[in-house]
Amino acid sequence: MNISIREGREEDLPEIFELIKELALFEKAPEQVTNTIDRMRKEGFGDNPVYSFFVAENQSGIIGAAIHYIRYSTWKGARLFLEDLIVKESFRGLGAGSLLFEKCIELGKKQGYSGMTWQVLDWNQPAIDLYNKYNSQLEAGWLNANLDY
């Protein structure tokens, strides 16, 4: 299967949003998705974009995405933050996740960032296995904190 990676475009947003909803279902939190395609359009393709994404494609169309943005660490400087790495369930295990992850690594190195940061659920063993292939450091002991307004 031939998989290619490219930068995401505004017209990809409906398919990306479907991937996001699929991920939320996989993570057992579909009710947590309150974002909209219109908001993603404004925040990713408006006057001040705050995120970007890569897509993985094959002859079927978009099969995955890596949504990312710049995060600033006071300890390490600018880092790429990988918000979501999503591959459609029916296409997992074919290499799309690795290709997307490698594209993010390539971007971070090209931009001169100090590294890449992301989160993974402790029960998502396939994702953990993927990240371990790259000698990633998975940290324990941190709690996620959120404040909605």
N, C-alpha and C. Protein backbone atom coordinates (compact mmCIF):
# COMPACT_ATOMS: atom_id res chain seq x y z
N MET A 1 0.84 -1.18 0.00
CA MET A 1 0.00 0.00 0.00
C MET A 1 0.88 1.24 0.00
N ASN A 2 0.63 2.13 -0.93
CA ASN A 2 1.41 3.35 -1.07
C ASN A 2 0.79 4.46 -0.22
N ILE A 3 1.52 4.92 0.80
CA ILE A 3 1.05 5.98 1.68
C ILE A 3 1.93 7.19 1.49
N SER A 4 1.31 8.35 1.27
CA SER A 4 2.07 9.59 1.15
C SER A 4 1.66 10.54 2.26
N ILE A 5 2.59 11.43 2.61
CA ILE A 5 2.36 12.42 3.66
C ILE A 5 2.46 13.80 3.03
N ARG A 6 1.53 14.67 3.38
CA ARG A 6 1.56 16.05 2.88
C ARG A 6 1.03 16.98 3.95
N GLU A 7 1.26 18.28 3.75
CA GLU A 7 0.70 19.27 4.65
C GLU A 7 -0.80 19.33 4.49
N GLY A 8 -1.48 19.53 5.60
CA GLY A 8 -2.93 19.64 5.57
C GLY A 8 -3.39 20.93 4.94
N ARG A 9 -4.57 20.88 4.33
CA ARG A 9 -5.17 22.04 3.69
C ARG A 9 -6.56 22.29 4.28
N GLU A 10 -7.01 23.50 4.11
CA GLU A 10 -8.32 23.88 4.66
C GLU A 10 -9.43 22.93 4.19
N GLU A 11 -9.38 22.52 2.94
CA GLU A 11 -10.44 21.64 2.42
C GLU A 11 -10.40 20.24 3.04
N ASP A 12 -9.34 19.91 3.77
CA ASP A 12 -9.24 18.62 4.46
C ASP A 12 -10.02 18.60 5.77
N LEU A 13 -10.42 19.76 6.26
CA LEU A 13 -10.98 19.85 7.61
C LEU A 13 -12.18 18.94 7.88
N PRO A 14 -13.13 18.77 6.97
CA PRO A 14 -14.23 17.84 7.29
C PRO A 14 -13.73 16.42 7.57
N GLU A 15 -12.77 15.94 6.79
CA GLU A 15 -12.23 14.59 7.03
C GLU A 15 -11.40 14.55 8.31
N ILE A 16 -10.66 15.62 8.58
CA ILE A 16 -9.86 15.68 9.81
C ILE A 16 -10.77 15.67 11.02
N PHE A 17 -11.88 16.39 10.93
CA PHE A 17 -12.82 16.42 12.05
C PHE A 17 -13.42 15.04 12.30
N GLU A 18 -13.68 14.29 11.25
CA GLU A 18 -14.17 12.92 11.41
C GLU A 18 -13.12 12.04 12.09
N LEU A 19 -11.84 12.24 11.73
CA LEU A 19 -10.77 11.51 12.40
C LEU A 19 -10.72 11.86 13.89
N ILE A 20 -10.89 13.12 14.21
CA ILE A 20 -10.88 13.57 15.61
C ILE A 20 -12.00 12.88 16.38
N LYS A 21 -13.18 12.81 15.78
CA LYS A 21 -14.30 12.14 16.45
C LYS A 21 -14.04 10.65 16.60
N GLU A 22 -13.39 10.04 15.62
CA GLU A 22 -13.03 8.62 15.73
C GLU A 22 -12.04 8.41 16.88
N LEU A 23 -11.07 9.32 17.00
CA LEU A 23 -10.10 9.23 18.10
C LEU A 23 -10.80 9.37 19.45
N ALA A 24 -11.73 10.32 19.55
CA ALA A 24 -12.44 10.53 20.81
C ALA A 24 -13.24 9.28 21.19
N LEU A 25 -13.82 8.61 20.22
CA LEU A 25 -14.54 7.37 20.49
C LEU A 25 -13.57 6.29 20.97
N PHE A 26 -12.42 6.17 20.31
CA PHE A 26 -11.39 5.21 20.71
C PHE A 26 -10.92 5.47 22.14
N GLU A 27 -10.81 6.75 22.50
CA GLU A 27 -10.35 7.13 23.84
C GLU A 27 -11.48 7.17 24.86
N LYS A 28 -12.66 6.69 24.44
CA LYS A 28 -13.82 6.56 25.32
C LYS A 28 -14.31 7.90 25.85
N ALA A 29 -14.23 8.95 25.02
CA ALA A 29 -14.66 10.28 25.44
C ALA A 29 -15.30 11.06 24.29
N PRO A 30 -16.22 10.47 23.54
CA PRO A 30 -16.77 11.19 22.39
C PRO A 30 -17.50 12.47 22.77
N GLU A 31 -18.06 12.52 23.97
CA GLU A 31 -18.79 13.71 24.41
C GLU A 31 -17.87 14.89 24.69
N GLN A 32 -16.58 14.66 24.76
CA GLN A 32 -15.62 15.73 25.04
C GLN A 32 -15.30 16.59 23.82
N VAL A 33 -15.67 16.15 22.64
CA VAL A 33 -15.39 16.93 21.42
C VAL A 33 -16.41 18.05 21.31
N THR A 34 -15.96 19.27 21.56
CA THR A 34 -16.83 20.44 21.44
C THR A 34 -16.35 21.37 20.33
N ASN A 35 -15.25 21.04 19.71
CA ASN A 35 -14.72 21.82 18.60
C ASN A 35 -15.67 21.73 17.41
N THR A 36 -15.47 22.60 16.42
CA THR A 36 -16.26 22.57 15.20
C THR A 36 -15.33 22.76 14.01
N ILE A 37 -15.81 22.40 12.85
CA ILE A 37 -15.03 22.62 11.63
C ILE A 37 -14.81 24.11 11.41
N ASP A 38 -15.84 24.92 11.66
CA ASP A 38 -15.69 26.37 11.48
C ASP A 38 -14.62 26.93 12.40
N ARG A 39 -14.59 26.48 13.63
CA ARG A 39 -13.57 26.95 14.57
C ARG A 39 -12.19 26.49 14.12
N MET A 40 -12.09 25.25 13.66
CA MET A 40 -10.80 24.75 13.17
C MET A 40 -10.35 25.56 11.95
N ARG A 41 -11.29 25.93 11.11
CA ARG A 41 -10.96 26.74 9.93
C ARG A 41 -10.37 28.09 10.37
N LYS A 42 -11.06 28.75 11.29
CA LYS A 42 -10.61 30.06 11.78
C LYS A 42 -9.25 29.96 12.48
N GLU A 43 -9.11 28.95 13.35
CA GLU A 43 -7.91 28.86 14.18
C GLU A 43 -6.71 28.23 13.45
N GLY A 44 -6.96 27.57 12.35
CA GLY A 44 -5.86 26.97 11.60
C GLY A 44 -5.54 27.67 10.29
N PHE A 45 -6.52 28.42 9.76
CA PHE A 45 -6.34 29.03 8.45
C PHE A 45 -6.75 30.50 8.43
N GLY A 46 -6.98 31.08 9.60
CA GLY A 46 -7.35 32.49 9.69
C GLY A 46 -6.11 33.37 9.73
N ASP A 47 -6.29 34.57 10.26
CA ASP A 47 -5.21 35.56 10.31
C ASP A 47 -4.06 35.16 11.22
N ASN A 48 -4.34 34.38 12.25
CA ASN A 48 -3.31 34.00 13.22
C ASN A 48 -3.40 32.50 13.50
N PRO A 49 -2.93 31.65 12.57
CA PRO A 49 -3.06 30.20 12.77
C PRO A 49 -2.33 29.73 14.03
N VAL A 50 -2.99 28.87 14.79
CA VAL A 50 -2.40 28.36 16.02
C VAL A 50 -2.06 26.87 15.95
N TYR A 51 -2.39 26.22 14.84
CA TYR A 51 -2.03 24.82 14.67
C TYR A 51 -1.86 24.53 13.18
N SER A 52 -1.24 23.41 12.90
CA SER A 52 -1.08 22.90 11.54
C SER A 52 -1.26 21.39 11.60
N PHE A 53 -1.28 20.75 10.45
CA PHE A 53 -1.38 19.30 10.46
C PHE A 53 -0.81 18.72 9.17
N PHE A 54 -0.42 17.47 9.29
CA PHE A 54 -0.03 16.65 8.15
C PHE A 54 -1.12 15.61 7.95
N VAL A 55 -1.29 15.17 6.72
CA VAL A 55 -2.21 14.08 6.45
C VAL A 55 -1.46 12.93 5.81
N ALA A 56 -1.94 11.73 6.10
CA ALA A 56 -1.47 10.51 5.44
C ALA A 56 -2.57 10.12 4.46
N GLU A 57 -2.16 9.86 3.23
CA GLU A 57 -3.12 9.50 2.19
C GLU A 57 -2.70 8.22 1.49
N ASN A 58 -3.68 7.51 0.98
CA ASN A 58 -3.43 6.44 0.04
C ASN A 58 -4.52 6.54 -1.02
N GLN A 59 -4.68 5.52 -1.83
CA GLN A 59 -5.67 5.58 -2.90
C GLN A 59 -7.09 5.74 -2.38
N SER A 60 -7.33 5.44 -1.10
CA SER A 60 -8.65 5.60 -0.49
C SER A 60 -8.92 7.04 -0.06
N GLY A 61 -7.89 7.88 0.01
CA GLY A 61 -8.02 9.24 0.50
C GLY A 61 -7.25 9.42 1.79
N ILE A 62 -7.70 10.32 2.63
CA ILE A 62 -7.02 10.60 3.90
C ILE A 62 -7.28 9.45 4.86
N ILE A 63 -6.19 8.89 5.38
CA ILE A 63 -6.30 7.76 6.33
C ILE A 63 -5.73 8.10 7.70
N GLY A 64 -5.11 9.28 7.84
CA GLY A 64 -4.54 9.66 9.13
C GLY A 64 -4.10 11.11 9.13
N ALA A 65 -3.78 11.58 10.32
CA ALA A 65 -3.34 12.97 10.47
C ALA A 65 -2.48 13.12 11.71
N ALA A 66 -1.61 14.12 11.68
CA ALA A 66 -0.81 14.52 12.84
C ALA A 66 -1.04 16.02 13.03
N ILE A 67 -1.73 16.38 14.09
CA ILE A 67 -2.06 17.77 14.37
C ILE A 67 -1.05 18.29 15.38
N HIS A 68 -0.44 19.43 15.07
CA HIS A 68 0.67 19.92 15.89
C HIS A 68 0.68 21.44 15.98
N TYR A 69 1.44 21.93 16.93
CA TYR A 69 1.65 23.37 17.11
C TYR A 69 2.94 23.59 17.88
N ILE A 70 3.35 24.83 18.01
CA ILE A 70 4.58 25.15 18.74
C ILE A 70 4.23 25.36 20.21
N ARG A 71 5.02 24.74 21.06
CA ARG A 71 4.89 24.89 22.51
C ARG A 71 6.20 25.49 23.01
N TYR A 72 6.11 26.34 24.00
CA TYR A 72 7.34 26.90 24.55
C TYR A 72 7.59 26.34 25.94
N SER A 73 8.77 25.77 26.12
CA SER A 73 9.20 25.25 27.42
C SER A 73 10.22 26.22 28.00
N THR A 74 9.98 26.67 29.22
CA THR A 74 10.96 27.55 29.85
C THR A 74 12.27 26.83 30.12
N TRP A 75 12.23 25.52 30.18
CA TRP A 75 13.45 24.74 30.41
C TRP A 75 14.17 24.40 29.13
N LYS A 76 13.44 24.23 28.03
CA LYS A 76 14.07 23.71 26.81
C LYS A 76 13.90 24.60 25.58
N GLY A 77 13.05 25.62 25.64
CA GLY A 77 12.81 26.48 24.48
C GLY A 77 11.68 25.95 23.63
N ALA A 78 11.63 26.39 22.38
CA ALA A 78 10.54 26.02 21.47
C ALA A 78 10.58 24.52 21.17
N ARG A 79 9.40 23.91 21.24
CA ARG A 79 9.26 22.48 20.97
C ARG A 79 8.00 22.29 20.12
N LEU A 80 8.01 21.26 19.32
CA LEU A 80 6.81 20.91 18.58
C LEU A 80 5.92 20.12 19.53
N PHE A 81 4.66 20.49 19.62
CA PHE A 81 3.72 19.72 20.43
C PHE A 81 2.83 18.95 19.47
N LEU A 82 2.86 17.63 19.59
CA LEU A 82 2.03 16.75 18.77
C LEU A 82 0.73 16.55 19.53
N GLU A 83 -0.29 17.26 19.12
CA GLU A 83 -1.59 17.21 19.81
C GLU A 83 -2.27 15.87 19.59
N ASP A 84 -2.36 15.44 18.35
CA ASP A 84 -3.00 14.16 18.04
C ASP A 84 -2.31 13.50 16.86
N LEU A 85 -2.08 12.23 16.99
CA LEU A 85 -1.61 11.38 15.89
C LEU A 85 -2.73 10.35 15.70
N ILE A 86 -3.43 10.45 14.58
CA ILE A 86 -4.63 9.65 14.36
C ILE A 86 -4.49 8.87 13.06
N VAL A 87 -4.79 7.60 13.11
CA VAL A 87 -4.89 6.76 11.91
C VAL A 87 -6.22 6.03 11.99
N LYS A 88 -6.96 6.05 10.88
CA LYS A 88 -8.23 5.34 10.86
C LYS A 88 -8.01 3.89 11.28
N GLU A 89 -8.94 3.38 12.06
CA GLU A 89 -8.79 2.03 12.62
C GLU A 89 -8.51 0.98 11.55
N SER A 90 -9.18 1.08 10.42
CA SER A 90 -9.02 0.06 9.37
C SER A 90 -7.67 0.14 8.66
N PHE A 91 -6.89 1.19 8.93
CA PHE A 91 -5.58 1.35 8.28
C PHE A 91 -4.42 1.30 9.28
N ARG A 92 -4.69 0.98 10.53
CA ARG A 92 -3.62 0.90 11.54
C ARG A 92 -2.73 -0.30 11.26
N GLY A 93 -1.46 -0.14 11.58
CA GLY A 93 -0.50 -1.23 11.41
C GLY A 93 0.13 -1.29 10.03
N LEU A 94 -0.15 -0.30 9.18
CA LEU A 94 0.39 -0.29 7.82
C LEU A 94 1.52 0.71 7.64
N GLY A 95 1.87 1.44 8.71
CA GLY A 95 2.99 2.37 8.63
C GLY A 95 2.62 3.83 8.56
N ALA A 96 1.35 4.16 8.45
CA ALA A 96 0.95 5.57 8.35
C ALA A 96 1.33 6.35 9.61
N GLY A 97 1.15 5.76 10.77
CA GLY A 97 1.50 6.43 12.03
C GLY A 97 2.97 6.75 12.10
N SER A 98 3.81 5.80 11.70
CA SER A 98 5.26 6.04 11.70
C SER A 98 5.63 7.15 10.73
N LEU A 99 5.02 7.14 9.55
CA LEU A 99 5.33 8.18 8.56
C LEU A 99 4.92 9.56 9.06
N LEU A 100 3.77 9.66 9.69
CA LEU A 100 3.32 10.94 10.24
C LEU A 100 4.24 11.39 11.37
N PHE A 101 4.60 10.47 12.25
CA PHE A 101 5.48 10.79 13.37
C PHE A 101 6.84 11.28 12.85
N GLU A 102 7.37 10.59 11.86
CA GLU A 102 8.66 10.98 11.27
C GLU A 102 8.58 12.34 10.59
N LYS A 103 7.44 12.65 9.99
CA LYS A 103 7.27 13.97 9.36
C LYS A 103 7.29 15.07 10.42
N CYS A 104 6.72 14.80 11.58
CA CYS A 104 6.76 15.77 12.68
C CYS A 104 8.18 15.95 13.19
N ILE A 105 8.92 14.86 13.32
CA ILE A 105 10.32 14.94 13.74
C ILE A 105 11.10 15.78 12.74
N GLU A 106 10.89 15.51 11.46
CA GLU A 106 11.57 16.26 10.40
C GLU A 106 11.26 17.75 10.48
N LEU A 107 9.99 18.09 10.70
CA LEU A 107 9.61 19.50 10.83
C LEU A 107 10.31 20.16 12.01
N GLY A 108 10.28 19.50 13.17
CA GLY A 108 10.91 20.06 14.36
C GLY A 108 12.39 20.30 14.17
N LYS A 109 13.07 19.36 13.54
CA LYS A 109 14.50 19.52 13.29
C LYS A 109 14.75 20.65 12.30
N LYS A 110 13.96 20.71 11.25
CA LYS A 110 14.11 21.75 10.23
C LYS A 110 13.91 23.15 10.84
N GLN A 111 12.98 23.27 11.78
CA GLN A 111 12.69 24.56 12.41
C GLN A 111 13.66 24.89 13.54
N GLY A 112 14.49 23.93 13.93
CA GLY A 112 15.45 24.17 15.00
C GLY A 112 14.86 24.08 16.39
N TYR A 113 13.72 23.41 16.53
CA TYR A 113 13.12 23.24 17.85
C TYR A 113 13.98 22.30 18.69
N SER A 114 13.81 22.38 20.00
CA SER A 114 14.62 21.56 20.89
C SER A 114 14.12 20.11 20.99
N GLY A 115 12.97 19.83 20.45
CA GLY A 115 12.42 18.48 20.49
C GLY A 115 10.93 18.50 20.27
N MET A 116 10.30 17.39 20.61
CA MET A 116 8.86 17.24 20.42
C MET A 116 8.27 16.68 21.71
N THR A 117 7.07 17.13 22.02
CA THR A 117 6.35 16.71 23.22
C THR A 117 4.96 16.25 22.81
N TRP A 118 4.44 15.26 23.52
CA TRP A 118 3.08 14.78 23.28
C TRP A 118 2.62 14.00 24.48
N GLN A 119 1.38 13.56 24.45
CA GLN A 119 0.82 12.74 25.51
C GLN A 119 0.32 11.44 24.91
N VAL A 120 0.30 10.40 25.71
CA VAL A 120 -0.26 9.12 25.28
C VAL A 120 -0.94 8.49 26.50
N LEU A 121 -2.11 7.93 26.27
CA LEU A 121 -2.81 7.25 27.35
C LEU A 121 -2.04 6.00 27.76
N ASP A 122 -1.97 5.75 29.04
CA ASP A 122 -1.15 4.63 29.52
C ASP A 122 -1.68 3.26 29.10
N TRP A 123 -2.90 3.18 28.61
CA TRP A 123 -3.45 1.90 28.15
C TRP A 123 -3.36 1.73 26.63
N ASN A 124 -2.86 2.74 25.93
CA ASN A 124 -2.78 2.68 24.46
C ASN A 124 -1.45 2.04 24.05
N GLN A 125 -1.37 0.73 24.24
CA GLN A 125 -0.12 0.02 24.01
C GLN A 125 0.39 0.12 22.56
N PRO A 126 -0.48 0.07 21.54
CA PRO A 126 0.05 0.22 20.17
C PRO A 126 0.76 1.56 19.97
N ALA A 127 0.22 2.63 20.53
CA ALA A 127 0.87 3.94 20.41
C ALA A 127 2.18 3.96 21.20
N ILE A 128 2.16 3.40 22.39
CA ILE A 128 3.38 3.35 23.21
C ILE A 128 4.46 2.57 22.47
N ASP A 129 4.08 1.46 21.85
CA ASP A 129 5.04 0.66 21.09
C ASP A 129 5.63 1.48 19.93
N LEU A 130 4.79 2.25 19.24
CA LEU A 130 5.28 3.11 18.16
C LEU A 130 6.30 4.10 18.70
N TYR A 131 5.98 4.80 19.77
CA TYR A 131 6.88 5.82 20.30
C TYR A 131 8.17 5.20 20.83
N ASN A 132 8.10 4.01 21.37
CA ASN A 132 9.30 3.34 21.86
C ASN A 132 10.27 2.99 20.73
N LYS A 133 9.76 2.78 19.52
CA LYS A 133 10.63 2.52 18.37
C LYS A 133 11.59 3.68 18.11
N TYR A 134 11.22 4.86 18.59
CA TYR A 134 12.04 6.06 18.37
C TYR A 134 12.82 6.45 19.62
N ASN A 135 12.91 5.55 20.57
CA ASN A 135 13.61 5.81 21.84
C ASN A 135 13.05 7.02 22.58
N SER A 136 11.76 7.17 22.53
CA SER A 136 11.09 8.27 23.23
C SER A 136 11.14 8.05 24.74
N GLN A 137 11.15 9.13 25.49
CA GLN A 137 11.10 9.04 26.94
C GLN A 137 9.65 9.27 27.37
N LEU A 138 9.02 8.24 27.91
CA LEU A 138 7.66 8.36 28.40
C LEU A 138 7.74 8.59 29.90
N GLU A 139 7.20 9.71 30.34
CA GLU A 139 7.34 10.12 31.73
C GLU A 139 6.12 9.74 32.56
N ALA A 140 6.37 9.24 33.75
CA ALA A 140 5.30 8.98 34.71
C ALA A 140 5.31 10.10 35.74
N GLY A 141 4.25 10.22 36.45
CA GLY A 141 4.23 11.16 37.57
C GLY A 141 3.65 12.52 37.26
N TRP A 142 3.29 12.80 36.03
CA TRP A 142 2.69 14.08 35.69
C TRP A 142 1.19 13.91 35.58
N LEU A 143 0.45 14.84 36.08
CA LEU A 143 -0.99 14.85 35.96
C LEU A 143 -1.40 15.90 34.93
N ASN A 144 -2.33 15.56 34.07
CA ASN A 144 -2.85 16.53 33.13
C ASN A 144 -3.80 17.47 33.86
N ALA A 145 -3.73 18.74 33.55
CA ALA A 145 -4.62 19.72 34.15
C ALA A 145 -5.28 20.52 33.03
N ASN A 146 -6.56 20.79 33.20
CA ASN A 146 -7.31 21.56 32.21
C ASN A 146 -8.25 22.51 32.93
N LEU A 147 -8.54 23.62 32.28
CA LEU A 147 -9.52 24.57 32.76
C LEU A 147 -10.31 25.03 31.55
N ASP A 148 -11.58 24.74 31.53
CA ASP A 148 -12.43 25.17 30.42
C ASP A 148 -13.08 26.51 30.78
N TYR A 149 -13.18 27.39 29.78
CA TYR A 149 -13.92 28.64 29.97
C TYR A 149 -14.56 29.07 28.69
